[in-house]
Structures are given as structure tokens and as C-alpha cells.
Amino acid sequence: MALSLAFGLRRLVGGRRAPPDEPGLVLIVRFDLMGDVVNALSAATAARLRWPRARVAFMGPPAWQPIVRRCPAVDELIPFDGGAVTHWPAVLNPAVWASAAGAVRSVRKRHFDVAISVYGPIAGAVVGLSGARWRIGYRAEAPRWSFDEALPGRRRNGGPPEAELAARLVHDSAPAWQTVVATADASQAAALTRPLVVLHPGAAHGEAKRWPDEHWATLARTLAPDVGALAVVGLDDARPTADRMAEAAAIHDLTGGTSLDELIGLLAGADAVVSTDSGPGHLARALGRRVVMLHGPTDVAIHGPGDPASRALRVDLPCGPCYSFDRPAECRFGDVLCMQWLSPDRVRDAVLDVMASPEREV
């Protein structure tokens, strides 16, 4: 309420302003998880196309800097984890709020011409307080009066892909699917036999996104004869799944053993990537790789890879898609049939299909 009042007063006092035709400084703000930031890079690419002479700055969590700095459309990174102010117990820590206030002050000193909130009330508040000449965002996804140009619409099941929603904020055109260039260490991929398929069984935002371990093991066993090498990546929580796969087929278990730089290099060298709806899957798409993404609670329309060169698989059930955007994906029935009934044979066929398709032009 206080933010809405402050933004409203600013509009009343400052009056209606016009958008700059040729902005010199553009700020794009997106917080949250890896996949969210990856999809937001479509806004940076759209900004580069619309304003080729502008300097584009991207504000996002420091953890994802290795990805953002490999987006050719981004000139500058502004590291700030805006989502931290909403997390428990950080929300009670005065130092966290002092850091947030400092981040806003530093942005205001820059006098940005355009500031764009890709998603969320925290990003919307940062943009609203940025002091930029022109502020853009989706009306329903931020405090009232945050934006000079408040676009209709919001993220919803059945809506456009995340990357398209980000690009629409800047330019009414199709998004660029490849937004990241691999300049990372590719030594691990180079050492593996081609064709290389990378498997990512993890899911950071809800247990309902996970495909059953036995399905991953079956996929590894049935896919191994048709590929040169299978590599499994993920955090430490993916190790039990990798162990099940190792019992079924020869795999290269890299779980818990790659930095983000090394993961970028490995994904960039893959002929296909199989992933749950998670950050590495979206990152592989942004690197121009062909992805087979496994969906259960999340809607393919908005959360899928989007890129026509990739595939998004799910089983349609009356209860889904059930992911509601404001909390981790969990099954209210406790059985996650949407993931259990997604068969390994269907996934294997999709992998072979995308590998047989011609390489796209980028």
C-alpha cells in the first residue's frame, strides 16, 4: 500500500511523460531462479534489437552472473538478489533491507532512460523506485503505479512462453531462443564420445517436478545403445538418481561436480539434453541445444522450452497443470501421476527425434 501511494504521488506530481525514442541507458530487472533469469534474457535481446545504440544493464541474483555475462545483448551486470528480502528469516534482517535500499540508491544515481520489470512485485518495486525516465512492466505483476507503461496481461497457465512474455515488454516480435553464447570450459564435453546426451533429473522448485528414479534408469538403459555417451548433471540431491542410472547403463556421473561455468560448457557441447522443468533445461535451450523437457505440474505453454527445435512432454490429467506460480510445485494428492505416467519410451523416442532433426540456423 505504501509503495502504491508513493508511486501514485510521483505520477501526479511528475505528470505523464513520453517514452524516449533512443534511450542511452536501459535497465532490465529479473530476480528468482536460474530458469527465470535465463528466460528474461529475451528482454535484453529485444532491447538490443529495438535500441541498438543503448547500453543494456541487467539486474539479477549474483549466483547467475556466469549466465548473464554470456548474453551478447547485455553490456553490464548489476548483482542484487531482490528475492532475498522476501525469504525467511532474511526478511527480519535489517542488513538485508539496508542492502536493498543501497541497491535502489545506486540505480537512481545512474539516471536510466528506460527500466523494465520482467516479473514480480520486488522487481516492479525496484523499477518503480529507479528514477528512470520510462518504466515498463506488466500491470498485474507489480505494485500499482509502478510503471509509466503498464502492459495488460500476466503469467498464467495457457499463456505465452516465459521468454516471449519477457520479449513483449520491449518489442512486439517473436523472442530469440538462443540468448547465451558458450565461452565456458567445454573440456568435459570434448572428452566424451558423440553423440552426447546430457541428463538433468533435478528440480529446485518442488518435488512434484521430479520424474521417478526408475524411469530415469530405464531411459538410460534404452537410450545408451543409440548414443555415444550419457552424462548426468545436477546438485548433490541428484546423486541417488544417478546411482540408479549407473546400475542400468554406463553413464558419466557429474552430479555435484560441476561449477556453473563447467555446466554451461557441458550443455553447449551436448547433442541433446533431457531435463525436468528446471534451470539447466532452460539454459540448454538458451545455448541453442535441443531439449526434451519433462513436465508434470507445470504447463507446457508457459513453462516449456518454447523453441520449436525442442520438445516438451507431459501427460494430460484433469487435475493439471496445477502449478500456481506462488509456491513450489507439490502434488495435493501425493501421487504425482502426471510424472509417473510419462513413460521412458516416449522420452527416448523424443530424444532420438530431436537428434535426427537438422541443426537450426542461428
Protein backbone atom coordinates (compact mmCIF):
# COMPACT_ATOMS: atom_id res chain seq x y z
CA MET A 1 0.00 0.00 0.00
CA ALA A 2 2.79 2.44 0.92
CA LEU A 3 4.64 1.74 -2.32
CA SER A 4 1.46 2.19 -4.35
CA LEU A 5 0.81 5.54 -2.65
CA ALA A 6 4.38 6.70 -3.26
CA PHE A 7 4.27 5.75 -6.93
CA GLY A 8 0.88 7.41 -7.33
CA LEU A 9 2.15 10.67 -5.86
CA ARG A 10 5.17 10.55 -8.15
CA ARG A 11 2.88 10.22 -11.18
CA LEU A 12 0.61 13.04 -10.00
CA VAL A 13 3.50 15.42 -9.34
CA GLY A 14 5.59 14.45 -12.36
CA GLY A 15 2.72 14.17 -14.81
CA ARG A 16 2.55 11.96 -17.87
CA ARG A 17 5.89 11.62 -19.61
CA ALA A 18 6.73 10.34 -23.07
CA PRO A 19 8.93 7.32 -23.72
CA PRO A 20 12.41 8.12 -25.08
CA ASP A 21 12.93 7.31 -28.74
CA GLU A 22 16.61 6.50 -28.43
CA PRO A 23 17.45 5.67 -24.81
CA GLY A 24 21.10 5.66 -23.85
CA LEU A 25 20.76 3.54 -20.69
CA VAL A 26 18.33 0.61 -20.31
CA LEU A 27 17.82 -1.37 -17.10
CA ILE A 28 16.24 -4.86 -17.05
CA VAL A 29 15.32 -6.37 -13.68
CA ARG A 30 14.59 -10.06 -13.01
CA PHE A 31 15.13 -12.00 -9.77
CA ASP A 32 14.42 -15.59 -8.66
CA LEU A 33 15.69 -18.93 -10.02
CA MET A 34 18.10 -19.82 -12.83
CA GLY A 35 15.41 -20.61 -15.39
CA ASP A 36 13.62 -17.34 -14.64
CA VAL A 37 16.76 -15.31 -15.32
CA VAL A 38 17.55 -17.32 -18.47
CA ASN A 39 14.10 -16.65 -19.92
CA ALA A 40 14.37 -12.95 -19.01
CA LEU A 41 17.39 -12.60 -21.30
CA SER A 42 14.89 -12.47 -24.17
CA ALA A 43 14.05 -8.97 -22.94
CA ALA A 44 17.70 -7.97 -23.23
CA THR A 45 17.91 -9.35 -26.77
CA ALA A 46 14.73 -7.48 -27.71
CA ALA A 47 16.16 -4.28 -26.20
CA ARG A 48 19.32 -4.66 -28.26
CA LEU A 49 17.23 -5.02 -31.43
CA ARG A 50 14.98 -2.06 -30.64
CA TRP A 51 17.69 0.25 -29.31
CA PRO A 52 20.98 -0.88 -30.89
CA ARG A 53 22.99 2.06 -29.53
CA ALA A 54 21.75 1.76 -25.93
CA ARG A 55 23.78 0.37 -23.04
CA VAL A 56 21.79 -2.52 -21.54
CA ALA A 57 22.23 -3.35 -17.85
CA PHE A 58 20.72 -6.46 -16.26
CA MET A 59 19.99 -6.58 -12.52
CA GLY A 60 19.68 -10.10 -11.11
CA PRO A 61 20.95 -12.51 -8.45
CA PRO A 62 24.76 -12.76 -8.23
CA ALA A 63 24.57 -16.57 -8.48
CA TRP A 64 23.55 -16.39 -12.15
CA GLN A 65 26.18 -13.89 -13.31
CA PRO A 66 28.11 -16.53 -15.32
CA ILE A 67 24.99 -16.95 -17.46
CA VAL A 68 24.05 -13.28 -17.86
CA ARG A 69 27.56 -12.19 -18.80
CA ARG A 70 27.42 -14.64 -21.73
CA CYS A 71 24.36 -12.93 -23.19
CA PRO A 72 25.69 -10.75 -26.06
CA ALA A 73 22.83 -8.29 -25.60
CA VAL A 74 23.87 -7.41 -22.03
CA ASP A 75 26.57 -4.78 -21.55
CA GLU A 76 26.60 -4.67 -17.77
CA LEU A 77 25.58 -6.78 -14.77
CA ILE A 78 24.16 -5.26 -11.60
CA PRO A 79 24.27 -8.04 -8.98
CA PHE A 80 21.43 -7.92 -6.47
CA ASP A 81 19.22 -10.71 -5.11
CA GLY A 82 15.96 -8.85 -4.71
CA GLY A 83 14.11 -12.03 -3.84
CA ALA A 84 16.14 -12.36 -0.65
CA VAL A 85 14.09 -9.65 1.04
CA THR A 86 11.05 -11.94 0.92
CA HIS A 87 12.76 -15.08 2.27
CA TRP A 88 12.54 -16.23 5.86
CA PRO A 89 14.37 -15.32 8.09
CA ALA A 90 16.18 -12.76 5.87
CA VAL A 91 13.03 -10.62 5.81
CA LEU A 92 13.67 -9.83 9.51
CA ASN A 93 17.31 -8.88 8.97
CA PRO A 94 17.86 -5.08 8.88
CA ALA A 95 21.09 -5.63 6.92
CA VAL A 96 19.13 -7.21 4.07
CA TRP A 97 16.84 -4.20 3.83
CA ALA A 98 19.81 -1.84 4.07
CA SER A 99 21.39 -3.68 1.14
CA ALA A 100 18.14 -3.37 -0.83
CA ALA A 101 17.98 0.37 -0.13
CA GLY A 102 21.61 0.73 -1.24
CA ALA A 103 20.88 -1.11 -4.47
CA VAL A 104 17.97 1.22 -5.25
CA ARG A 105 20.07 4.29 -4.46
CA SER A 106 22.84 3.13 -6.77
CA VAL A 107 20.35 2.61 -9.59
CA ARG A 108 18.79 6.04 -9.08
CA LYS A 109 22.21 7.66 -9.40
CA ARG A 110 22.58 6.17 -12.87
CA HIS A 111 19.57 8.08 -14.30
CA PHE A 112 18.42 5.25 -16.56
CA ASP A 113 16.30 6.25 -19.54
CA VAL A 114 14.24 3.03 -19.52
CA ALA A 115 13.71 0.48 -16.72
CA ILE A 116 11.90 -2.82 -17.34
CA SER A 117 10.48 -5.16 -14.71
CA VAL A 118 10.29 -8.63 -16.25
CA TYR A 119 8.26 -10.18 -13.43
CA GLY A 120 7.30 -9.89 -9.79
CA PRO A 121 6.46 -7.31 -7.15
CA ILE A 122 10.05 -6.90 -5.95
CA ALA A 123 11.37 -6.24 -9.46
CA GLY A 124 8.40 -3.95 -10.04
CA ALA A 125 9.18 -2.01 -6.87
CA VAL A 126 12.85 -1.63 -7.88
CA VAL A 127 11.81 -0.34 -11.30
CA GLY A 128 9.18 1.94 -9.76
CA LEU A 129 11.79 3.46 -7.45
CA SER A 130 14.58 3.50 -10.06
CA GLY A 131 14.11 7.10 -11.12
CA ALA A 132 14.18 6.02 -14.76
CA ARG A 133 12.54 8.32 -17.29
CA TRP A 134 10.28 5.50 -18.52
CA ARG A 135 9.25 2.39 -16.57
CA ILE A 136 7.72 -0.70 -18.16
CA GLY A 137 6.14 -3.86 -16.76
CA TYR A 138 3.00 -5.99 -16.60
CA ARG A 139 0.28 -4.14 -14.70
CA ALA A 140 -0.92 -7.15 -12.68
CA GLU A 141 2.55 -8.25 -11.56
CA ALA A 142 3.76 -5.29 -9.51
CA PRO A 143 2.55 -2.62 -7.08
CA ARG A 144 0.03 -0.22 -8.57
CA TRP A 145 1.53 2.90 -10.22
CA SER A 146 4.94 1.21 -10.62
CA PHE A 147 5.06 1.81 -14.37
CA ASP A 148 4.60 4.54 -16.93
CA GLU A 149 3.78 1.85 -19.49
CA ALA A 150 1.75 -0.82 -17.69
CA LEU A 151 1.05 -3.64 -20.12
CA PRO A 152 -2.07 -5.80 -19.77
CA GLY A 153 -1.67 -9.48 -19.01
CA ARG A 154 0.22 -11.66 -16.57
CA ARG A 155 1.77 -15.11 -16.26
CA ARG A 156 -0.89 -17.80 -16.30
CA ASN A 157 -1.33 -21.38 -17.37
CA GLY A 158 -2.11 -21.49 -21.06
CA GLY A 159 -0.31 -18.19 -21.61
CA PRO A 160 2.64 -17.44 -23.88
CA PRO A 161 6.11 -18.87 -23.06
CA GLU A 162 8.13 -17.08 -20.38
CA ALA A 163 10.71 -15.95 -22.92
CA GLU A 164 8.00 -14.46 -25.12
CA LEU A 165 6.45 -12.60 -22.17
CA ALA A 166 9.86 -11.08 -21.43
CA ALA A 167 10.45 -10.02 -25.04
CA ARG A 168 6.97 -8.49 -25.36
CA LEU A 169 7.83 -5.92 -22.72
CA VAL A 170 10.27 -4.37 -25.18
CA HIS A 171 9.30 -5.32 -28.69
CA ASP A 172 6.23 -6.94 -30.22
CA SER A 173 8.03 -9.75 -32.01
CA ALA A 174 8.94 -13.39 -31.52
CA PRO A 175 11.64 -13.98 -28.90
CA ALA A 176 15.17 -15.05 -29.73
CA TRP A 177 15.52 -18.59 -28.39
CA GLN A 178 19.32 -18.65 -28.33
CA THR A 179 20.37 -15.85 -26.00
CA VAL A 180 23.55 -17.24 -24.40
CA VAL A 181 26.91 -17.85 -26.05
CA ALA A 182 29.12 -20.58 -24.60
CA THR A 183 32.56 -19.20 -23.79
CA ALA A 184 32.87 -21.51 -20.79
CA ASP A 185 35.09 -24.53 -20.20
CA ALA A 186 33.97 -27.23 -22.64
CA SER A 187 36.72 -29.72 -21.77
CA GLN A 188 34.31 -32.19 -20.15
CA ALA A 189 32.07 -32.28 -23.23
CA ALA A 190 35.07 -32.54 -25.57
CA ALA A 191 36.32 -35.61 -23.71
CA LEU A 192 33.04 -37.51 -24.17
CA THR A 193 32.04 -39.57 -27.20
CA ARG A 194 29.49 -38.05 -29.58
CA PRO A 195 26.58 -38.03 -29.87
CA LEU A 196 26.40 -36.79 -26.28
CA VAL A 197 23.13 -36.69 -24.33
CA VAL A 198 23.11 -34.81 -21.02
CA LEU A 199 20.51 -35.82 -18.44
CA HIS A 200 19.36 -33.48 -15.68
CA PRO A 201 17.00 -35.19 -13.17
CA GLY A 202 16.94 -32.44 -10.52
CA ALA A 203 14.25 -29.89 -9.70
CA ALA A 204 14.83 -26.99 -7.33
CA HIS A 205 11.29 -25.64 -7.06
CA GLY A 206 9.08 -28.52 -5.98
CA GLU A 207 9.27 -32.28 -5.62
CA ALA A 208 6.31 -32.76 -7.98
CA LYS A 209 8.57 -31.73 -10.88
CA ARG A 210 10.75 -34.81 -10.44
CA TRP A 211 10.49 -37.77 -12.79
CA PRO A 212 10.71 -41.15 -10.95
CA ASP A 213 14.20 -42.59 -10.48
CA GLU A 214 13.19 -45.89 -12.09
CA HIS A 215 12.10 -44.01 -15.23
CA TRP A 216 15.50 -42.28 -15.44
CA ALA A 217 17.19 -45.68 -15.10
CA THR A 218 15.02 -47.17 -17.85
CA LEU A 219 15.72 -44.20 -20.11
CA ALA A 220 19.47 -44.59 -19.61
CA ARG A 221 19.35 -48.32 -20.37
CA THR A 222 17.25 -47.97 -23.53
CA LEU A 223 19.00 -44.85 -24.82
CA ALA A 224 22.60 -45.99 -24.28
CA PRO A 225 22.84 -48.20 -27.42
CA ASP A 226 21.91 -45.26 -29.67
CA VAL A 227 24.27 -42.60 -28.33
CA GLY A 228 27.98 -42.16 -27.80
CA ALA A 229 27.82 -41.07 -24.16
CA LEU A 230 25.35 -40.25 -21.39
CA ALA A 231 26.29 -37.63 -18.81
CA VAL A 232 24.25 -36.89 -15.68
CA VAL A 233 24.41 -33.43 -14.10
CA GLY A 234 22.79 -31.81 -11.10
CA LEU A 235 23.33 -30.88 -7.49
CA ASP A 236 24.05 -33.37 -4.73
CA ASP A 237 20.35 -34.22 -4.42
CA ALA A 238 20.51 -35.84 -7.88
CA ARG A 239 23.14 -38.39 -6.83
CA PRO A 240 20.66 -41.12 -5.76
CA THR A 241 19.02 -40.85 -9.19
CA ALA A 242 22.42 -41.03 -10.89
CA ASP A 243 23.23 -44.14 -8.86
CA ARG A 244 20.08 -45.81 -10.16
CA MET A 245 21.04 -44.90 -13.73
CA ALA A 246 24.57 -46.22 -13.21
CA GLU A 247 23.11 -49.61 -12.29
CA ALA A 248 21.25 -49.70 -15.60
CA ALA A 249 23.81 -48.28 -18.07
CA ALA A 250 27.27 -46.79 -18.44
CA ILE A 251 26.99 -43.12 -17.54
CA HIS A 252 29.31 -40.25 -16.69
CA ASP A 253 28.11 -39.14 -13.27
CA LEU A 254 28.92 -35.44 -12.87
CA THR A 255 26.33 -34.68 -10.17
CA GLY A 256 27.64 -32.26 -7.58
CA GLY A 257 30.89 -31.97 -9.52
CA THR A 258 30.47 -29.10 -11.96
CA SER A 259 30.66 -25.38 -11.45
CA LEU A 260 28.15 -23.23 -13.32
CA ASP A 261 30.87 -22.36 -15.84
CA GLU A 262 31.57 -26.06 -16.40
CA LEU A 263 27.85 -26.83 -16.68
CA ILE A 264 27.49 -24.18 -19.40
CA GLY A 265 30.38 -25.74 -21.32
CA LEU A 266 28.96 -29.26 -20.97
CA LEU A 267 25.44 -28.28 -22.05
CA ALA A 268 26.81 -26.32 -25.01
CA GLY A 269 28.61 -29.45 -26.21
CA ALA A 270 25.58 -31.74 -25.95
CA ASP A 271 23.69 -33.11 -28.93
CA ALA A 272 20.53 -33.30 -26.81
CA VAL A 273 19.56 -32.51 -23.23
CA VAL A 274 16.83 -34.24 -21.21
CA SER A 275 15.68 -32.24 -18.22
CA THR A 276 12.84 -31.64 -15.87
CA ASP A 277 11.27 -28.17 -15.99
CA SER A 278 14.27 -26.57 -14.31
CA GLY A 279 17.09 -24.10 -14.79
CA PRO A 280 19.58 -26.30 -16.66
CA GLY A 281 16.90 -27.31 -19.17
CA HIS A 282 16.10 -23.69 -19.97
CA LEU A 283 19.80 -22.84 -20.02
CA ALA A 284 20.43 -25.60 -22.58
CA ARG A 285 17.70 -24.12 -24.80
CA ALA A 286 19.25 -20.66 -24.46
CA LEU A 287 22.58 -22.15 -25.54
CA GLY A 288 20.97 -23.40 -28.74
CA ARG A 289 20.77 -27.04 -27.69
CA ARG A 290 17.87 -29.35 -28.50
CA VAL A 291 16.00 -30.06 -25.29
CA VAL A 292 13.45 -32.67 -24.24
CA MET A 293 11.75 -31.19 -21.18
CA LEU A 294 9.62 -33.29 -18.83
CA HIS A 295 6.54 -31.60 -17.38
CA GLY A 296 4.02 -32.67 -14.77
CA PRO A 297 2.53 -29.91 -12.62
CA THR A 298 3.79 -27.08 -14.84
CA ASP A 299 2.09 -26.01 -18.05
CA VAL A 300 4.00 -26.62 -21.27
CA ALA A 301 2.55 -23.46 -22.87
CA ILE A 302 4.28 -21.06 -20.49
CA HIS A 303 6.99 -23.16 -18.82
CA GLY A 304 8.11 -25.28 -21.77
CA PRO A 305 11.30 -24.59 -23.74
CA GLY A 306 9.24 -22.79 -26.40
CA ASP A 307 11.87 -23.28 -29.07
CA PRO A 308 10.43 -25.30 -32.00
CA ALA A 309 13.68 -27.30 -32.14
CA SER A 310 12.95 -28.75 -28.69
CA ARG A 311 10.18 -30.92 -27.23
CA ALA A 312 8.02 -30.55 -24.13
CA LEU A 313 6.35 -33.71 -22.83
CA ARG A 314 3.58 -34.15 -20.29
CA VAL A 315 0.59 -36.38 -19.54
CA ASP A 316 -2.75 -34.57 -19.54
CA LEU A 317 -4.78 -35.22 -16.39
CA PRO A 318 -7.95 -33.44 -15.17
CA CYS A 319 -6.07 -32.06 -12.15
CA GLY A 320 -3.30 -30.42 -14.12
CA PRO A 321 -1.41 -28.36 -14.82
CA CYS A 322 -1.65 -27.38 -11.16
CA TYR A 323 1.42 -25.18 -10.53
CA SER A 324 0.20 -21.83 -9.21
CA PHE A 325 3.39 -19.66 -9.51
CA ASP A 326 3.42 -18.54 -5.86
CA ARG A 327 4.81 -21.67 -4.17
CA PRO A 328 6.92 -24.75 -5.00
CA ALA A 329 5.27 -27.41 -7.15
CA GLU A 330 3.80 -30.13 -4.92
CA CYS A 331 1.06 -32.67 -5.65
CA ARG A 332 -2.00 -32.18 -3.46
CA PHE A 333 -2.89 -35.85 -3.99
CA GLY A 334 0.58 -37.10 -3.08
CA ASP A 335 0.98 -39.47 -6.04
CA VAL A 336 2.28 -37.23 -8.91
CA LEU A 337 0.66 -39.43 -11.55
CA CYS A 338 1.40 -36.82 -14.20
CA MET A 339 5.11 -37.66 -13.86
CA GLN A 340 4.72 -41.37 -13.14
CA TRP A 341 2.65 -41.93 -16.28
CA LEU A 342 5.14 -40.13 -18.54
CA SER A 343 6.76 -43.24 -20.00
CA PRO A 344 10.52 -43.66 -20.59
CA ASP A 345 9.79 -44.98 -24.10
CA ARG A 346 8.05 -41.73 -25.00
CA VAL A 347 11.00 -39.72 -23.74
CA ARG A 348 13.51 -41.92 -25.57
CA ASP A 349 11.60 -41.52 -28.85
CA ALA A 350 11.57 -37.75 -28.40
CA VAL A 351 15.33 -37.66 -27.78
CA LEU A 352 16.06 -39.67 -30.92
CA ASP A 353 13.65 -37.47 -32.87
CA VAL A 354 15.32 -34.18 -31.92
CA MET A 355 18.77 -35.65 -32.52
CA ALA A 356 17.72 -36.69 -36.04
CA SER A 357 16.41 -33.24 -36.91
CA PRO A 358 18.75 -30.90 -38.79
CA GLU A 359 20.72 -28.28 -36.89
CA ARG A 360 18.92 -24.95 -36.87
CA GLU A 361 20.44 -21.76 -38.22
CA VAL A 362 21.27 -19.16 -35.55
